[in-house]
Amino acid sequence: MASVIRGDDNFDSSSTGPSTTAGAVGTYGFFASNVIITEGSTTAGSNLQFAGSPRLATGNAPSGTWRCMGKTYRTGYSDLTVFVRVS
């Protein structure tokens, strides 16, 4: 259990911190993309597929909107990089 000191100086030990559920807002994922995406831009989860290594698209498309934390250069699920879910 995480503890937090809030701005009003109250100590709160009931906070559990950010979600670690795969695909939740604020979490990171390693994805293959079927479109070219530049770093910092966002894309729909439908353009992504959960990925593994080496260069394998291994799962379903995540839901939501994701921000690219790297860069993809090709289309067709051939490039892998890290994304963070923003909504």
Protein backbone atom coordinates (compact mmCIF):
# COMPACT_ATOMS: atom_id res chain seq x y z
CA MET A 1 0.00 0.00 0.00
CA ALA A 2 1.38 3.39 -0.98
CA SER A 3 1.19 6.38 1.34
CA VAL A 4 0.57 9.93 0.14
CA ILE A 5 0.94 13.34 1.76
CA ARG A 6 -1.66 15.52 0.11
CA GLY A 7 -1.31 19.26 -0.44
CA ASP A 8 -3.43 20.03 2.64
CA ASP A 9 -0.81 18.20 4.79
CA ASN A 10 -3.13 15.29 5.57
CA PHE A 11 -1.47 11.90 5.51
CA ASP A 12 -3.37 9.33 3.47
CA SER A 13 -2.27 5.72 3.59
CA SER A 14 -5.31 4.39 1.73
CA SER A 15 -4.04 5.37 -1.71
CA THR A 16 -2.84 2.46 -3.80
CA GLY A 17 -1.07 4.48 -6.49
CA PRO A 18 -1.52 4.23 -10.23
CA SER A 19 -3.12 1.24 -11.90
CA THR A 20 -0.97 -1.64 -13.05
CA THR A 21 -3.78 -3.32 -14.99
CA ALA A 22 -2.64 -3.92 -18.57
CA GLY A 23 -4.21 -1.36 -20.87
CA ALA A 24 -5.45 0.99 -18.14
CA VAL A 25 -5.04 4.77 -18.57
CA GLY A 26 -1.53 5.75 -17.46
CA THR A 27 0.02 2.36 -18.16
CA TYR A 28 2.68 1.60 -20.75
CA GLY A 29 2.60 -1.10 -23.38
CA PHE A 30 4.93 -2.60 -25.94
CA PHE A 31 3.12 -2.63 -29.26
CA ALA A 32 3.46 -3.30 -32.96
CA SER A 33 1.80 -0.71 -35.19
CA ASN A 34 0.14 -0.99 -38.58
CA VAL A 35 0.78 2.71 -39.34
CA ILE A 36 3.79 5.04 -39.17
CA ILE A 37 3.70 6.94 -35.86
CA THR A 38 6.12 9.62 -34.69
CA GLU A 39 7.23 10.14 -31.12
CA GLY A 40 4.82 12.18 -29.00
CA SER A 41 1.85 11.70 -31.31
CA THR A 42 -1.30 9.80 -30.35
CA THR A 43 -3.11 6.99 -32.10
CA ALA A 44 -6.17 4.84 -31.60
CA GLY A 45 -5.62 1.44 -30.04
CA SER A 46 -7.05 -0.09 -33.21
CA ASN A 47 -3.74 0.84 -34.92
CA LEU A 48 -1.77 -1.19 -32.37
CA GLN A 49 -1.35 -4.80 -31.41
CA PHE A 50 0.23 -6.16 -28.22
CA ALA A 51 3.70 -7.36 -29.18
CA GLY A 52 6.50 -9.61 -28.10
CA SER A 53 9.99 -10.26 -29.27
CA PRO A 54 11.43 -10.80 -31.81
CA ARG A 55 9.24 -8.41 -33.87
CA LEU A 56 6.04 -10.32 -33.28
CA ALA A 57 2.54 -8.95 -33.04
CA THR A 58 1.13 -11.39 -30.53
CA GLY A 59 -2.20 -10.16 -29.31
CA ASN A 60 -5.34 -8.17 -29.76
CA ALA A 61 -5.59 -4.44 -30.30
CA PRO A 62 -5.89 -2.45 -27.05
CA SER A 63 -8.74 -0.02 -26.51
CA GLY A 64 -8.31 3.70 -25.94
CA THR A 65 -5.91 6.36 -27.18
CA TRP A 66 -2.16 5.83 -26.88
CA ARG A 67 0.83 8.23 -27.07
CA CYS A 68 3.91 6.97 -28.89
CA MET A 69 7.05 7.11 -26.73
CA GLY A 70 9.33 5.98 -29.57
CA LYS A 71 8.86 5.91 -33.33
CA THR A 72 7.67 3.48 -35.97
CA TYR A 73 9.06 3.58 -39.50
CA ARG A 74 7.05 1.01 -41.46
CA THR A 75 3.50 -0.25 -41.70
CA GLY A 76 2.17 -3.77 -41.36
CA TYR A 77 2.96 -4.53 -37.69
CA SER A 78 6.69 -4.73 -38.44
CA ASP A 79 7.96 -2.06 -36.01
CA LEU A 80 7.72 -2.26 -32.23
CA THR A 81 7.88 0.55 -29.68
CA VAL A 82 6.49 1.70 -26.33
CA PHE A 83 3.20 3.57 -25.92
CA VAL A 84 1.41 5.07 -22.89
CA ARG A 85 -2.39 5.09 -22.67
CA VAL A 86 -3.74 8.65 -22.38
CA SER A 87 -7.49 8.01 -22.55
